[in-house]
Amino acid sequence: MKTFVLGGGCFWCLDAVYRKTKGVTEVVSGYTGGQTKNPFYEAVCSGTTGHAEVVAVTFDEEVIPEDVILEMFFLSHDPTTLNRQGYDVGTQYRSAMFYADGQQREVFEAAIARAQESWNDPIVTEVVPLGEFHPAEEYHQDFYAKHPEQGYCQVIINPKLAKARKYYAQWLAA
């Protein structure tokens, strides 16, 4: 098993995509990359803690290659906008990849180079060391499955899931 910690805007979006991905054994929404101890949602949303909203995605490489996990990351958000994903603005919504070791850093940097071929604007995704990971509050875990009728899920997450199905149907569970 391998775990990648990825930030692509609101964690609900990445959480929804990866929970439907074959070979993914766990997805935990959380916070990392900041200086405040014990961050909580409202503080992170204020932009004052330095943390990013992220998901820790644990997957079985014998089922799904790490390259596919990372391709799905770049498909599921806009890595060319600094500190912004759609209407979500602030450093907490930055595009970021948090590496656990040097090998992960190389994998992440190679994934950015491959992904750049699909984007006209430069990718601004940070590749930074993984600090302490703080799981988000329970109500954020698997948010889409718990609240599919919620406006954000309908307007923002559903199109991202449709896009993932279009390009990665073979990797998604029914």
C-alpha atoms as a PDB file:
ATOM      1  CA  MET A   1       0.000   0.000   0.000  1.00  0.00           C
ATOM      2  CA  LYS A   2       1.074   3.538  -0.719  1.00  0.00           C
ATOM      3  CA  THR A   3      -0.348   6.851   0.475  1.00  0.00           C
ATOM      4  CA  PHE A   4      -0.254  10.179  -1.364  1.00  0.00           C
ATOM      5  CA  VAL A   5      -1.290  13.416   0.344  1.00  0.00           C
ATOM      6  CA  LEU A   6      -2.742  15.756  -2.265  1.00  0.00           C
ATOM      7  CA  GLY A   7      -4.363  19.187  -2.186  1.00  0.00           C
ATOM      8  CA  GLY A   8      -6.569  20.247  -5.067  1.00  0.00           C
ATOM      9  CA  GLY A   9      -8.957  22.815  -3.615  1.00  0.00           C
ATOM     10  CA  CYS A  10     -11.841  21.711  -1.445  1.00  0.00           C
ATOM     11  CA  PHE A  11     -11.110  18.228  -0.130  1.00  0.00           C
ATOM     12  CA  TRP A  12     -14.681  17.098  -0.789  1.00  0.00           C
ATOM     13  CA  CYS A  13     -13.975  16.957  -4.541  1.00  0.00           C
ATOM     14  CA  LEU A  14     -10.883  14.756  -4.446  1.00  0.00           C
ATOM     15  CA  ASP A  15     -12.455  12.652  -1.718  1.00  0.00           C
ATOM     16  CA  ALA A  16     -15.485  11.928  -3.937  1.00  0.00           C
ATOM     17  CA  VAL A  17     -13.358  10.912  -6.943  1.00  0.00           C
ATOM     18  CA  TYR A  18     -10.892   8.715  -5.073  1.00  0.00           C
ATOM     19  CA  ARG A  19     -13.550   6.923  -3.014  1.00  0.00           C
ATOM     20  CA  LYS A  20     -14.955   5.616  -6.316  1.00  0.00           C
ATOM     21  CA  THR A  21     -11.541   4.492  -7.599  1.00  0.00           C
ATOM     22  CA  LYS A  22     -10.685   0.795  -7.744  1.00  0.00           C
ATOM     23  CA  GLY A  23      -7.643  -0.056  -5.666  1.00  0.00           C
ATOM     24  CA  VAL A  24      -8.090   2.877  -3.296  1.00  0.00           C
ATOM     25  CA  THR A  25      -8.429   1.405   0.172  1.00  0.00           C
ATOM     26  CA  GLU A  26      -8.809   4.607   2.198  1.00  0.00           C
ATOM     27  CA  VAL A  27      -9.371   8.322   1.708  1.00  0.00           C
ATOM     28  CA  VAL A  28      -9.040  10.707   4.633  1.00  0.00           C
ATOM     29  CA  SER A  29      -9.826  14.396   4.244  1.00  0.00           C
ATOM     30  CA  GLY A  30      -7.566  16.573   6.340  1.00  0.00           C
ATOM     31  CA  TYR A  31      -5.187  19.475   6.708  1.00  0.00           C
ATOM     32  CA  THR A  32      -1.421  19.819   6.324  1.00  0.00           C
ATOM     33  CA  GLY A  33       1.203  22.357   5.339  1.00  0.00           C
ATOM     34  CA  GLY A  34       0.481  24.912   8.024  1.00  0.00           C
ATOM     35  CA  GLN A  35       1.942  26.207  11.245  1.00  0.00           C
ATOM     36  CA  THR A  36      -1.060  26.077  13.595  1.00  0.00           C
ATOM     37  CA  LYS A  37      -1.282  23.125  15.980  1.00  0.00           C
ATOM     38  CA  ASN A  38      -4.586  21.254  15.968  1.00  0.00           C
ATOM     39  CA  PRO A  39      -6.204  23.076  13.044  1.00  0.00           C
ATOM     40  CA  PHE A  40      -9.960  22.891  12.625  1.00  0.00           C
ATOM     41  CA  TYR A  41     -12.166  23.633   9.637  1.00  0.00           C
ATOM     42  CA  GLU A  42     -13.238  27.191  10.441  1.00  0.00           C
ATOM     43  CA  ALA A  43      -9.656  28.246  11.244  1.00  0.00           C
ATOM     44  CA  VAL A  44      -8.283  26.626   8.061  1.00  0.00           C
ATOM     45  CA  CYS A  45     -11.034  28.310   6.000  1.00  0.00           C
ATOM     46  CA  SER A  46      -9.967  31.677   7.396  1.00  0.00           C
ATOM     47  CA  GLY A  47      -6.643  31.256   5.585  1.00  0.00           C
ATOM     48  CA  THR A  48      -4.660  32.119   8.711  1.00  0.00           C
ATOM     49  CA  THR A  49      -3.333  28.667   9.667  1.00  0.00           C
ATOM     50  CA  GLY A  50      -1.227  28.052   6.557  1.00  0.00           C
ATOM     51  CA  HIS A  51      -2.835  24.629   6.088  1.00  0.00           C
ATOM     52  CA  ALA A  52      -4.206  23.283   2.836  1.00  0.00           C
ATOM     53  CA  GLU A  53      -7.304  21.136   2.540  1.00  0.00           C
ATOM     54  CA  VAL A  54      -5.951  17.762   1.408  1.00  0.00           C
ATOM     55  CA  VAL A  55      -6.798  14.106   1.042  1.00  0.00           C
ATOM     56  CA  ALA A  56      -4.587  11.229   2.116  1.00  0.00           C
ATOM     57  CA  VAL A  57      -5.221   8.584  -0.545  1.00  0.00           C
ATOM     58  CA  THR A  58      -4.094   5.051   0.287  1.00  0.00           C
ATOM     59  CA  PHE A  59      -4.072   2.650  -2.643  1.00  0.00           C
ATOM     60  CA  ASP A  60      -2.892  -0.773  -3.731  1.00  0.00           C
ATOM     61  CA  GLU A  61      -0.330  -0.433  -6.523  1.00  0.00           C
ATOM     62  CA  GLU A  62      -1.105  -3.976  -7.631  1.00  0.00           C
ATOM     63  CA  VAL A  63      -4.616  -2.804  -8.521  1.00  0.00           C
ATOM     64  CA  ILE A  64      -4.040   0.784  -9.704  1.00  0.00           C
ATOM     65  CA  PRO A  65      -0.720   2.351 -10.761  1.00  0.00           C
ATOM     66  CA  GLU A  66       0.483   5.430  -8.919  1.00  0.00           C
ATOM     67  CA  ASP A  67       0.609   7.284 -12.247  1.00  0.00           C
ATOM     68  CA  VAL A  68      -3.156   6.842 -12.645  1.00  0.00           C
ATOM     69  CA  ILE A  69      -3.785   8.168  -9.125  1.00  0.00           C
ATOM     70  CA  LEU A  70      -1.744  11.255 -10.021  1.00  0.00           C
ATOM     71  CA  GLU A  71      -3.330  11.695 -13.467  1.00  0.00           C
ATOM     72  CA  MET A  72      -6.723  11.679 -11.765  1.00  0.00           C
ATOM     73  CA  PHE A  73      -5.450  14.362  -9.374  1.00  0.00           C
ATOM     74  CA  PHE A  74      -4.577  16.673 -12.261  1.00  0.00           C
ATOM     75  CA  LEU A  75      -7.880  15.907 -13.997  1.00  0.00           C
ATOM     76  CA  SER A  76      -9.904  16.673 -10.853  1.00  0.00           C
ATOM     77  CA  HIS A  77      -8.763  20.257 -10.339  1.00  0.00           C
ATOM     78  CA  ASP A  78      -7.096  23.152 -12.146  1.00  0.00           C
ATOM     79  CA  PRO A  79      -3.394  23.016 -11.235  1.00  0.00           C
ATOM     80  CA  THR A  80      -2.697  26.279 -13.076  1.00  0.00           C
ATOM     81  CA  THR A  81      -4.503  28.622 -10.688  1.00  0.00           C
ATOM     82  CA  LEU A  82      -2.586  29.857  -7.665  1.00  0.00           C
ATOM     83  CA  ASN A  83      -4.466  29.530  -4.378  1.00  0.00           C
ATOM     84  CA  ARG A  84      -7.810  29.104  -6.104  1.00  0.00           C
ATOM     85  CA  GLN A  85     -10.209  26.447  -7.309  1.00  0.00           C
ATOM     86  CA  GLY A  86     -13.320  27.933  -8.861  1.00  0.00           C
ATOM     87  CA  TYR A  87     -15.104  30.006  -6.235  1.00  0.00           C
ATOM     88  CA  ASP A  88     -12.816  28.738  -3.464  1.00  0.00           C
ATOM     89  CA  VAL A  89     -10.034  31.300  -2.983  1.00  0.00           C
ATOM     90  CA  GLY A  90      -7.142  31.267  -0.509  1.00  0.00           C
ATOM     91  CA  THR A  91      -3.968  29.372   0.297  1.00  0.00           C
ATOM     92  CA  GLN A  92      -6.048  26.637   1.929  1.00  0.00           C
ATOM     93  CA  TYR A  93      -7.264  25.722  -1.590  1.00  0.00           C
ATOM     94  CA  ARG A  94      -3.818  25.619  -3.195  1.00  0.00           C
ATOM     95  CA  SER A  95      -2.752  22.869  -5.550  1.00  0.00           C
ATOM     96  CA  ALA A  96      -0.130  20.897  -3.659  1.00  0.00           C
ATOM     97  CA  MET A  97       1.535  17.511  -3.395  1.00  0.00           C
ATOM     98  CA  PHE A  98       3.046  16.672  -0.022  1.00  0.00           C
ATOM     99  CA  TYR A  99       5.829  14.105  -0.262  1.00  0.00           C
ATOM    100  CA  ALA A 100       6.813  11.670   2.478  1.00  0.00           C
ATOM    101  CA  ASP A 101      10.286  10.964   1.085  1.00  0.00           C
ATOM    102  CA  GLY A 102      12.649  11.697  -1.791  1.00  0.00           C
ATOM    103  CA  GLN A 103      11.204   8.973  -3.982  1.00  0.00           C
ATOM    104  CA  GLN A 104       7.704  10.432  -3.671  1.00  0.00           C
ATOM    105  CA  ARG A 105       9.079  13.855  -4.500  1.00  0.00           C
ATOM    106  CA  GLU A 106      10.555  12.496  -7.741  1.00  0.00           C
ATOM    107  CA  VAL A 107       7.290  10.727  -8.599  1.00  0.00           C
ATOM    108  CA  PHE A 108       5.334  13.945  -8.000  1.00  0.00           C
ATOM    109  CA  GLU A 109       7.715  16.088 -10.048  1.00  0.00           C
ATOM    110  CA  ALA A 110       7.566  13.604 -12.943  1.00  0.00           C
ATOM    111  CA  ALA A 111       3.751  13.634 -12.764  1.00  0.00           C
ATOM    112  CA  ILE A 112       3.733  17.433 -13.015  1.00  0.00           C
ATOM    113  CA  ALA A 113       5.999  17.295 -16.065  1.00  0.00           C
ATOM    114  CA  ARG A 114       3.644  14.799 -17.757  1.00  0.00           C
ATOM    115  CA  ALA A 115       0.538  16.765 -16.782  1.00  0.00           C
ATOM    116  CA  GLN A 116       1.990  20.029 -18.122  1.00  0.00           C
ATOM    117  CA  GLU A 117       1.564  18.639 -21.648  1.00  0.00           C
ATOM    118  CA  SER A 118      -2.226  18.836 -21.148  1.00  0.00           C
ATOM    119  CA  TRP A 119      -2.326  22.423 -19.862  1.00  0.00           C
ATOM    120  CA  ASN A 120      -1.655  25.647 -21.782  1.00  0.00           C
ATOM    121  CA  ASP A 121      -0.829  27.643 -18.654  1.00  0.00           C
ATOM    122  CA  PRO A 122       2.030  26.700 -16.323  1.00  0.00           C
ATOM    123  CA  ILE A 123       1.196  24.278 -13.526  1.00  0.00           C
ATOM    124  CA  VAL A 124       1.659  25.967 -10.140  1.00  0.00           C
ATOM    125  CA  THR A 125       1.238  22.866  -7.989  1.00  0.00           C
ATOM    126  CA  GLU A 126       3.545  22.954  -4.967  1.00  0.00           C
ATOM    127  CA  VAL A 127       5.689  19.931  -4.224  1.00  0.00           C
ATOM    128  CA  VAL A 128       6.609  20.220  -0.562  1.00  0.00           C
ATOM    129  CA  PRO A 129       7.565  17.952   2.347  1.00  0.00           C
ATOM    130  CA  LEU A 130       4.696  16.377   4.232  1.00  0.00           C
ATOM    131  CA  GLY A 131       4.419  17.819   7.697  1.00  0.00           C
ATOM    132  CA  GLU A 132       1.947  16.694  10.293  1.00  0.00           C
ATOM    133  CA  PHE A 133      -1.325  15.475   8.781  1.00  0.00           C
ATOM    134  CA  HIS A 134      -4.476  16.345  10.699  1.00  0.00           C
ATOM    135  CA  PRO A 135      -7.650  14.446   9.812  1.00  0.00           C
ATOM    136  CA  ALA A 136     -10.589  16.759   9.218  1.00  0.00           C
ATOM    137  CA  GLU A 137     -13.689  16.585  11.340  1.00  0.00           C
ATOM    138  CA  GLU A 138     -15.867  13.499  10.835  1.00  0.00           C
ATOM    139  CA  TYR A 139     -18.593  15.391   8.983  1.00  0.00           C
ATOM    140  CA  HIS A 140     -16.094  16.120   6.174  1.00  0.00           C
ATOM    141  CA  GLN A 141     -15.229  12.452   5.626  1.00  0.00           C
ATOM    142  CA  ASP A 142     -17.062  10.991   2.592  1.00  0.00           C
ATOM    143  CA  PHE A 143     -19.068  14.223   2.393  1.00  0.00           C
ATOM    144  CA  TYR A 144     -20.381  13.625  -1.124  1.00  0.00           C
ATOM    145  CA  ALA A 145     -21.892  10.224  -0.301  1.00  0.00           C
ATOM    146  CA  LYS A 146     -23.533  11.658   2.802  1.00  0.00           C
ATOM    147  CA  HIS A 147     -24.893  14.807   1.078  1.00  0.00           C
ATOM    148  CA  PRO A 148     -25.280  14.220  -2.692  1.00  0.00           C
ATOM    149  CA  GLU A 149     -28.241  16.619  -2.821  1.00  0.00           C
ATOM    150  CA  GLN A 150     -26.258  19.506  -1.310  1.00  0.00           C
ATOM    151  CA  GLY A 151     -25.709  22.407  -3.733  1.00  0.00           C
ATOM    152  CA  TYR A 152     -21.911  22.211  -3.748  1.00  0.00           C
ATOM    153  CA  CYS A 153     -22.101  18.505  -4.564  1.00  0.00           C
ATOM    154  CA  GLN A 154     -24.552  19.091  -7.408  1.00  0.00           C
ATOM    155  CA  VAL A 155     -22.790  22.061  -8.993  1.00  0.00           C
ATOM    156  CA  ILE A 156     -19.100  21.405  -8.303  1.00  0.00           C
ATOM    157  CA  ILE A 157     -18.522  17.725  -7.510  1.00  0.00           C
ATOM    158  CA  ASN A 158     -20.930  16.079  -9.983  1.00  0.00           C
ATOM    159  CA  PRO A 159     -19.153  17.573 -13.030  1.00  0.00           C
ATOM    160  CA  LYS A 160     -15.782  16.428 -11.648  1.00  0.00           C
ATOM    161  CA  LEU A 161     -17.122  12.896 -11.184  1.00  0.00           C
ATOM    162  CA  ALA A 162     -18.531  12.944 -14.719  1.00  0.00           C
ATOM    163  CA  LYS A 163     -15.153  14.016 -16.067  1.00  0.00           C
ATOM    164  CA  ALA A 164     -13.405  11.261 -14.109  1.00  0.00           C
ATOM    165  CA  ARG A 165     -15.880   8.698 -15.490  1.00  0.00           C
ATOM    166  CA  LYS A 166     -15.259   9.965 -19.027  1.00  0.00           C
ATOM    167  CA  TYR A 167     -11.486   9.555 -18.864  1.00  0.00           C
ATOM    168  CA  TYR A 168     -10.998   6.877 -16.207  1.00  0.00           C
ATOM    169  CA  ALA A 169     -14.089   4.653 -16.386  1.00  0.00           C
ATOM    170  CA  GLN A 170     -11.973   1.481 -16.225  1.00  0.00           C
ATOM    171  CA  TRP A 171     -10.597   2.570 -12.852  1.00  0.00           C
ATOM    172  CA  LEU A 172     -13.888   3.606 -11.269  1.00  0.00           C
ATOM    173  CA  ALA A 173     -16.295   1.363  -9.379  1.00  0.00           C
ATOM    174  CA  ALA A 174     -19.875   1.301 -10.555  1.00  0.00           C
END
